[in-house]
């Protein structure tokens, strides 16, 4: 049920080197505050509302660590 929180995430493969992850996260943050990028977003009549990796990582970890009975119940509810 975390899909609404996760939106359209950019993800990396498991085991990415911490220094690379840090570089990617910093680049994303810089992009989300870049005046030229924001002007382009505004020109397209979009609203930037980014969530950042540290927050999304916590949501994803919580989602995949649910007890088996919760996962099975959600599967049943979503298949009806």
PDB file of N, CA and C in Angstrom:
ATOM      1  N   UNK A   1       0.814  -1.202   0.000  1.00  0.00           N
ATOM      2  CA  UNK A   1       0.000   0.000   0.000  1.00  0.00           C
ATOM      3  C   UNK A   1       0.855   1.263   0.000  1.00  0.00           C
ATOM      4  N   UNK A   2       2.157   1.108  -0.110  1.00  0.00           N
ATOM      5  CA  UNK A   2       3.052   2.257  -0.068  1.00  0.00           C
ATOM      6  C   UNK A   2       3.228   2.905  -1.431  1.00  0.00           C
ATOM      7  N   UNK A   3       2.550   2.392  -2.454  1.00  0.00           N
ATOM      8  CA  UNK A   3       2.790   2.915  -3.799  1.00  0.00           C
ATOM      9  C   UNK A   3       2.475   4.395  -3.922  1.00  0.00           C
ATOM     10  N   UNK A   4       1.480   4.868  -3.189  1.00  0.00           N
ATOM     11  CA  UNK A   4       1.177   6.294  -3.229  1.00  0.00           C
ATOM     12  C   UNK A   4       2.305   7.133  -2.665  1.00  0.00           C
ATOM     13  N   UNK A   5       2.963   6.614  -1.659  1.00  0.00           N
ATOM     14  CA  UNK A   5       4.095   7.322  -1.072  1.00  0.00           C
ATOM     15  C   UNK A   5       5.309   7.258  -1.975  1.00  0.00           C
ATOM     16  N   UNK A   6       5.485   6.132  -2.632  1.00  0.00           N
ATOM     17  CA  UNK A   6       6.677   5.948  -3.458  1.00  0.00           C
ATOM     18  C   UNK A   6       6.569   6.624  -4.811  1.00  0.00           C
ATOM     19  N   UNK A   7       5.373   6.784  -5.330  1.00  0.00           N
ATOM     20  CA  UNK A   7       5.207   7.461  -6.614  1.00  0.00           C
ATOM     21  C   UNK A   7       5.976   6.775  -7.723  1.00  0.00           C
ATOM     22  N   UNK A   8       6.856   7.515  -8.369  1.00  0.00           N
ATOM     23  CA  UNK A   8       7.695   6.993  -9.449  1.00  0.00           C
ATOM     24  C   UNK A   8       9.157   7.128  -9.038  1.00  0.00           C
ATOM     25  N   UNK A   9       9.616   6.210  -8.232  1.00  0.00           N
ATOM     26  CA  UNK A   9      10.979   6.367  -7.711  1.00  0.00           C
ATOM     27  C   UNK A   9      12.053   6.024  -8.732  1.00  0.00           C
ATOM     28  N   UNK A  10      13.180   6.654  -8.561  1.00  0.00           N
ATOM     29  CA  UNK A  10      14.401   6.259  -9.263  1.00  0.00           C
ATOM     30  C   UNK A  10      15.076   5.279  -8.322  1.00  0.00           C
ATOM     31  N   UNK A  11      15.410   4.103  -8.817  1.00  0.00           N
ATOM     32  CA  UNK A  11      16.005   3.110  -7.940  1.00  0.00           C
ATOM     33  C   UNK A  11      17.344   2.648  -8.480  1.00  0.00           C
ATOM     34  N   UNK A  12      18.113   2.047  -7.601  1.00  0.00           N
ATOM     35  CA  UNK A  12      19.412   1.494  -7.979  1.00  0.00           C
ATOM     36  C   UNK A  12      19.384  -0.002  -7.681  1.00  0.00           C
ATOM     37  N   UNK A  13      20.307  -0.725  -8.241  1.00  0.00           N
ATOM     38  CA  UNK A  13      20.359  -2.159  -7.924  1.00  0.00           C
ATOM     39  C   UNK A  13      20.818  -2.368  -6.480  1.00  0.00           C
ATOM     40  N   UNK A  14      20.459  -3.514  -5.912  1.00  0.00           N
ATOM     41  CA  UNK A  14      20.933  -3.801  -4.552  1.00  0.00           C
ATOM     42  C   UNK A  14      22.459  -3.812  -4.497  1.00  0.00           C
ATOM     43  N   UNK A  15      22.984  -3.431  -3.367  1.00  0.00           N
ATOM     44  CA  UNK A  15      24.420  -3.489  -3.164  1.00  0.00           C
ATOM     45  C   UNK A  15      25.206  -2.342  -3.761  1.00  0.00           C
ATOM     46  N   UNK A  16      24.526  -1.275  -4.146  1.00  0.00           N
ATOM     47  CA  UNK A  16      25.245  -0.120  -4.696  1.00  0.00           C
ATOM     48  C   UNK A  16      26.217   0.412  -3.642  1.00  0.00           C
ATOM     49  N   UNK A  17      27.359   0.826  -4.090  1.00  0.00           N
ATOM     50  CA  UNK A  17      28.365   1.368  -3.172  1.00  0.00           C
ATOM     51  C   UNK A  17      27.809   2.625  -2.496  1.00  0.00           C
ATOM     52  N   UNK A  18      27.974   2.739  -1.185  1.00  0.00           N
ATOM     53  CA  UNK A  18      27.426   3.904  -0.464  1.00  0.00           C
ATOM     54  C   UNK A  18      27.856   5.245  -1.047  1.00  0.00           C
ATOM     55  N   UNK A  19      29.100   5.346  -1.513  1.00  0.00           N
ATOM     56  CA  UNK A  19      29.548   6.637  -2.070  1.00  0.00           C
ATOM     57  C   UNK A  19      28.820   6.957  -3.373  1.00  0.00           C
ATOM     58  N   UNK A  20      28.488   5.941  -4.156  1.00  0.00           N
ATOM     59  CA  UNK A  20      27.727   6.185  -5.388  1.00  0.00           C
ATOM     60  C   UNK A  20      26.300   6.600  -5.067  1.00  0.00           C
ATOM     61  N   UNK A  21      25.703   5.936  -4.093  1.00  0.00           N
ATOM     62  CA  UNK A  21      24.354   6.300  -3.686  1.00  0.00           C
ATOM     63  C   UNK A  21      24.319   7.743  -3.208  1.00  0.00           C
ATOM     64  N   UNK A  22      25.318   8.133  -2.443  1.00  0.00           N
ATOM     65  CA  UNK A  22      25.401   9.512  -1.956  1.00  0.00           C
ATOM     66  C   UNK A  22      25.488  10.491  -3.126  1.00  0.00           C
ATOM     67  N   UNK A  23      26.293  10.176  -4.127  1.00  0.00           N
ATOM     68  CA  UNK A  23      26.435  11.047  -5.301  1.00  0.00           C
ATOM     69  C   UNK A  23      25.106  11.174  -6.039  1.00  0.00           C
ATOM     70  N   UNK A  24      24.421  10.057  -6.231  1.00  0.00           N
ATOM     71  CA  UNK A  24      23.133  10.085  -6.930  1.00  0.00           C
ATOM     72  C   UNK A  24      22.096  10.901  -6.165  1.00  0.00           C
ATOM     73  N   UNK A  25      22.061  10.710  -4.860  1.00  0.00           N
ATOM     74  CA  UNK A  25      21.094  11.463  -4.048  1.00  0.00           C
ATOM     75  C   UNK A  25      21.396  12.955  -4.067  1.00  0.00           C
ATOM     76  N   UNK A  26      22.661  13.319  -3.992  1.00  0.00           N
ATOM     77  CA  UNK A  26      23.034  14.738  -4.052  1.00  0.00           C
ATOM     78  C   UNK A  26      22.680  15.338  -5.409  1.00  0.00           C
ATOM     79  N   UNK A  27      22.914  14.584  -6.479  1.00  0.00           N
ATOM     80  CA  UNK A  27      22.582  15.072  -7.822  1.00  0.00           C
ATOM     81  C   UNK A  27      21.080  15.289  -7.960  1.00  0.00           C
ATOM     82  N   UNK A  28      20.296  14.375  -7.416  1.00  0.00           N
ATOM     83  CA  UNK A  28      18.838  14.523  -7.483  1.00  0.00           C
ATOM     84  C   UNK A  28      18.390  15.760  -6.710  1.00  0.00           C
ATOM     85  N   UNK A  29      18.940  15.942  -5.513  1.00  0.00           N
ATOM     86  CA  UNK A  29      18.593  17.130  -4.721  1.00  0.00           C
ATOM     87  C   UNK A  29      18.952  18.417  -5.468  1.00  0.00           C
ATOM     88  N   UNK A  30      20.128  18.450  -6.075  1.00  0.00           N
ATOM     89  CA  UNK A  30      20.543  19.636  -6.827  1.00  0.00           C
ATOM     90  C   UNK A  30      19.619  19.875  -8.013  1.00  0.00           C
ATOM     91  N   UNK A  31      19.247  18.815  -8.695  1.00  0.00           N
ATOM     92  CA  UNK A  31      18.327  18.955  -9.834  1.00  0.00           C
ATOM     93  C   UNK A  31      16.997  19.529  -9.377  1.00  0.00           C
ATOM     94  N   UNK A  32      16.492  19.046  -8.261  1.00  0.00           N
ATOM     95  CA  UNK A  32      15.188  19.497  -7.770  1.00  0.00           C
ATOM     96  C   UNK A  32      15.193  20.948  -7.299  1.00  0.00           C
ATOM     97  N   UNK A  33      16.375  21.537  -7.158  1.00  0.00           N
ATOM     98  CA  UNK A  33      16.450  22.956  -6.772  1.00  0.00           C
ATOM     99  C   UNK A  33      17.080  23.819  -7.864  1.00  0.00           C
ATOM    100  N   UNK A  34      17.378  23.229  -9.015  1.00  0.00           N
ATOM    101  CA  UNK A  34      18.001  23.955 -10.117  1.00  0.00           C
ATOM    102  C   UNK A  34      16.998  24.919 -10.755  1.00  0.00           C
ATOM    103  N   UNK A  35      17.311  26.210 -10.835  1.00  0.00           N
ATOM    104  CA  UNK A  35      16.374  27.187 -11.398  1.00  0.00           C
ATOM    105  C   UNK A  35      15.937  26.858 -12.831  1.00  0.00           C
ATOM    106  N   UNK A  36      16.841  26.403 -13.675  1.00  0.00           N
ATOM    107  CA  UNK A  36      16.472  26.074 -15.055  1.00  0.00           C
ATOM    108  C   UNK A  36      15.517  24.880 -15.088  1.00  0.00           C
ATOM    109  N   UNK A  37      15.790  23.888 -14.276  1.00  0.00           N
ATOM    110  CA  UNK A  37      14.904  22.722 -14.199  1.00  0.00           C
ATOM    111  C   UNK A  37      13.526  23.141 -13.708  1.00  0.00           C
ATOM    112  N   UNK A  38      13.494  23.935 -12.644  1.00  0.00           N
ATOM    113  CA  UNK A  38      12.216  24.369 -12.085  1.00  0.00           C
ATOM    114  C   UNK A  38      11.439  25.248 -13.067  1.00  0.00           C
ATOM    115  N   UNK A  39      12.135  26.059 -13.845  1.00  0.00           N
ATOM    116  CA  UNK A  39      11.462  26.872 -14.862  1.00  0.00           C
ATOM    117  C   UNK A  39      10.833  25.977 -15.936  1.00  0.00           C
ATOM    118  N   UNK A  40      11.547  24.938 -16.312  1.00  0.00           N
ATOM    119  CA  UNK A  40      11.009  23.985 -17.293  1.00  0.00           C
ATOM    120  C   UNK A  40       9.786  23.262 -16.735  1.00  0.00           C
ATOM    121  N   UNK A  41       9.862  22.864 -15.490  1.00  0.00           N
ATOM    122  CA  UNK A  41       8.730  22.194 -14.843  1.00  0.00           C
ATOM    123  C   UNK A  41       7.518  23.130 -14.827  1.00  0.00           C
ATOM    124  N   UNK A  42       7.748  24.369 -14.456  1.00  0.00           N
ATOM    125  CA  UNK A  42       6.662  25.353 -14.399  1.00  0.00           C
ATOM    126  C   UNK A  42       6.082  25.595 -15.794  1.00  0.00           C
ATOM    127  N   UNK A  43       6.933  25.685 -16.804  1.00  0.00           N
ATOM    128  CA  UNK A  43       6.467  25.903 -18.176  1.00  0.00           C
ATOM    129  C   UNK A  43       5.588  24.750 -18.649  1.00  0.00           C
ATOM    130  N   UNK A  44       5.834  23.581 -18.137  1.00  0.00           N
ATOM    131  CA  UNK A  44       5.022  22.407 -18.505  1.00  0.00           C
ATOM    132  C   UNK A  44       3.774  22.271 -17.631  1.00  0.00           C
ATOM    133  N   UNK A  45       3.578  23.260 -16.761  1.00  0.00           N
ATOM    134  CA  UNK A  45       2.438  23.300 -15.852  1.00  0.00           C
ATOM    135  C   UNK A  45       2.389  22.079 -14.937  1.00  0.00           C
ATOM    136  N   UNK A  46       3.571  21.702 -14.462  1.00  0.00           N
ATOM    137  CA  UNK A  46       3.693  20.610 -13.506  1.00  0.00           C
ATOM    138  C   UNK A  46       4.053  21.194 -12.150  1.00  0.00           C
ATOM    139  N   UNK A  47       3.834  20.429 -11.117  1.00  0.00           N
ATOM    140  CA  UNK A  47       4.180  20.867  -9.774  1.00  0.00           C
ATOM    141  C   UNK A  47       5.222  19.926  -9.197  1.00  0.00           C
ATOM    142  N   UNK A  48       6.432  20.416  -8.994  1.00  0.00           N
ATOM    143  CA  UNK A  48       7.444  19.535  -8.402  1.00  0.00           C
ATOM    144  C   UNK A  48       7.122  19.276  -6.935  1.00  0.00           C
ATOM    145  N   UNK A  49       7.124  18.044  -6.568  1.00  0.00           N
ATOM    146  CA  UNK A  49       6.873  17.659  -5.183  1.00  0.00           C
ATOM    147  C   UNK A  49       7.724  16.430  -4.872  1.00  0.00           C
ATOM    148  N   UNK A  50       9.046  16.589  -4.939  1.00  0.00           N
ATOM    149  CA  UNK A  50       9.913  15.417  -4.790  1.00  0.00           C
ATOM    150  C   UNK A  50       9.978  14.906  -3.361  1.00  0.00           C
ATOM    151  N   UNK A  51      10.128  13.607  -3.277  1.00  0.00           N
ATOM    152  CA  UNK A  51      10.503  12.959  -2.029  1.00  0.00           C
ATOM    153  C   UNK A  51      11.925  12.479  -2.248  1.00  0.00           C
ATOM    154  N   UNK A  52      12.692  12.481  -1.200  1.00  0.00           N
ATOM    155  CA  UNK A  52      14.108  12.161  -1.345  1.00  0.00           C
ATOM    156  C   UNK A  52      14.422  10.763  -0.833  1.00  0.00           C
ATOM    157  N   UNK A  53      15.528  10.236  -1.337  1.00  0.00           N
ATOM    158  CA  UNK A  53      15.906   8.853  -1.131  1.00  0.00           C
ATOM    159  C   UNK A  53      15.874   8.359   0.293  1.00  0.00           C
ATOM    160  N   UNK A  54      16.358   9.153   1.212  1.00  0.00           N
ATOM    161  CA  UNK A  54      16.400   8.713   2.601  1.00  0.00           C
ATOM    162  C   UNK A  54      14.998   8.406   3.123  1.00  0.00           C
ATOM    163  N   UNK A  55      14.037   9.264   2.766  1.00  0.00           N
ATOM    164  CA  UNK A  55      12.653   9.060   3.204  1.00  0.00           C
ATOM    165  C   UNK A  55      12.034   7.854   2.514  1.00  0.00           C
ATOM    166  N   UNK A  56      12.235   7.755   1.212  1.00  0.00           N
ATOM    167  CA  UNK A  56      11.656   6.649   0.451  1.00  0.00           C
ATOM    168  C   UNK A  56      12.268   5.311   0.836  1.00  0.00           C
ATOM    169  N   UNK A  57      13.536   5.323   1.171  1.00  0.00           N
ATOM    170  CA  UNK A  57      14.191   4.087   1.597  1.00  0.00           C
ATOM    171  C   UNK A  57      13.501   3.525   2.838  1.00  0.00           C
ATOM    172  N   UNK A  58      13.161   4.392   3.763  1.00  0.00           N
ATOM    173  CA  UNK A  58      12.463   3.958   4.973  1.00  0.00           C
ATOM    174  C   UNK A  58      11.094   3.386   4.665  1.00  0.00           C
ATOM    175  N   UNK A  59      10.358   4.026   3.771  1.00  0.00           N
ATOM    176  CA  UNK A  59       9.036   3.538   3.379  1.00  0.00           C
ATOM    177  C   UNK A  59       9.151   2.173   2.715  1.00  0.00           C
ATOM    178  N   UNK A  60      10.116   2.042   1.806  1.00  0.00           N
ATOM    179  CA  UNK A  60      10.298   0.770   1.099  1.00  0.00           C
ATOM    180  C   UNK A  60      10.680  -0.348   2.059  1.00  0.00           C
ATOM    181  N   UNK A  61      11.589  -0.065   2.980  1.00  0.00           N
ATOM    182  CA  UNK A  61      11.998  -1.081   3.946  1.00  0.00           C
ATOM    183  C   UNK A  61      10.820  -1.506   4.816  1.00  0.00           C
ATOM    184  N   UNK A  62      10.012  -0.557   5.208  1.00  0.00           N
ATOM    185  CA  UNK A  62       8.833  -0.872   6.010  1.00  0.00           C
ATOM    186  C   UNK A  62       7.846  -1.733   5.211  1.00  0.00           C
ATOM    187  N   UNK A  63       7.663  -1.399   3.952  1.00  0.00           N
ATOM    188  CA  UNK A  63       6.716  -2.140   3.115  1.00  0.00           C
ATOM    189  C   UNK A  63       7.140  -3.593   2.918  1.00  0.00           C
ATOM    190  N   UNK A  64       8.412  -3.828   2.697  1.00  0.00           N
ATOM    191  CA  UNK A  64       8.866  -5.195   2.430  1.00  0.00           C
ATOM    192  C   UNK A  64       9.115  -6.005   3.698  1.00  0.00           C
ATOM    193  N   UNK A  65       9.029  -5.380   4.846  1.00  0.00           N
ATOM    194  CA  UNK A  65       9.269  -6.122   6.084  1.00  0.00           C
ATOM    195  C   UNK A  65       7.976  -6.460   6.818  1.00  0.00           C
ATOM    196  N   UNK A  66       6.856  -6.361   6.122  1.00  0.00           N
ATOM    197  CA  UNK A  66       5.580  -6.690   6.747  1.00  0.00           C
ATOM    198  C   UNK A  66       5.493  -8.186   7.030  1.00  0.00           C
ATOM    199  N   UNK A  67       4.790  -8.559   8.095  1.00  0.00           N
ATOM    200  CA  UNK A  67       4.620  -9.983   8.399  1.00  0.00           C
ATOM    201  C   UNK A  67       3.893 -10.707   7.260  1.00  0.00           C
ATOM    202  N   UNK A  68       4.195 -11.986   7.115  1.00  0.00           N
ATOM    203  CA  UNK A  68       3.627 -12.794   6.037  1.00  0.00           C
ATOM    204  C   UNK A  68       2.101 -12.734   6.025  1.00  0.00           C
ATOM    205  N   UNK A  69       1.476 -12.756   7.194  1.00  0.00           N
ATOM    206  CA  UNK A  69       0.004 -12.742   7.237  1.00  0.00           C
ATOM    207  C   UNK A  69      -0.570 -11.438   6.682  1.00  0.00           C
ATOM    208  N   UNK A  70       0.130 -10.340   6.881  1.00  0.00           N
ATOM    209  CA  UNK A  70      -0.320  -9.057   6.320  1.00  0.00           C
ATOM    210  C   UNK A  70      -0.190  -9.093   4.799  1.00  0.00           C
ATOM    211  N   UNK A  71       0.937  -9.602   4.303  1.00  0.00           N
ATOM    212  CA  UNK A  71       1.155  -9.693   2.858  1.00  0.00           C
ATOM    213  C   UNK A  71       0.080 -10.567   2.228  1.00  0.00           C
ATOM    214  N   UNK A  72      -0.211 -11.715   2.818  1.00  0.00           N
ATOM    215  CA  UNK A  72      -1.232 -12.611   2.273  1.00  0.00           C
ATOM    216  C   UNK A  72      -2.610 -11.966   2.300  1.00  0.00           C
ATOM    217  N   UNK A  73      -2.914 -11.267   3.365  1.00  0.00           N
ATOM    218  CA  UNK A  73      -4.227 -10.600   3.454  1.00  0.00           C
ATOM    219  C   UNK A  73      -4.356  -9.517   2.376  1.00  0.00           C
ATOM    220  N   UNK A  74      -3.277  -8.749   2.173  1.00  0.00           N
ATOM    221  CA  UNK A  74      -3.319  -7.697   1.142  1.00  0.00           C
ATOM    222  C   UNK A  74      -3.458  -8.296  -0.240  1.00  0.00           C
ATOM    223  N   UNK A  75      -2.768  -9.412  -0.504  1.00  0.00           N
ATOM    224  CA  UNK A  75      -2.886 -10.079  -1.791  1.00  0.00           C
ATOM    225  C   UNK A  75      -4.333 -10.487  -2.033  1.00  0.00           C
ATOM    226  N   UNK A  76      -4.957 -11.035  -0.998  1.00  0.00           N
ATOM    227  CA  UNK A  76      -6.357 -11.460  -1.121  1.00  0.00           C
ATOM    228  C   UNK A  76      -7.274 -10.261  -1.383  1.00  0.00           C
ATOM    229  N   UNK A  77      -7.080  -9.211  -0.617  1.00  0.00           N
ATOM    230  CA  UNK A  77      -7.923  -8.016  -0.782  1.00  0.00           C
ATOM    231  C   UNK A  77      -7.740  -7.376  -2.160  1.00  0.00           C
ATOM    232  N   UNK A  78      -6.507  -7.360  -2.640  1.00  0.00           N
ATOM    233  CA  UNK A  78      -6.233  -6.721  -3.935  1.00  0.00           C
ATOM    234  C   UNK A  78      -6.661  -7.572  -5.131  1.00  0.00           C
ATOM    235  N   UNK A  79      -6.839  -8.859  -4.904  1.00  0.00           N
ATOM    236  CA  UNK A  79      -7.256  -9.723  -6.014  1.00  0.00           C
ATOM    237  C   UNK A  79      -8.763  -9.813  -6.141  1.00  0.00           C
ATOM    238  N   UNK A  80      -9.491  -9.291  -5.173  1.00  0.00           N
ATOM    239  CA  UNK A  80     -10.967  -9.358  -5.221  1.00  0.00           C
ATOM    240  C   UNK A  80     -11.543  -8.315  -6.131  1.00  0.00           C
TER     241      UNK A  80
END
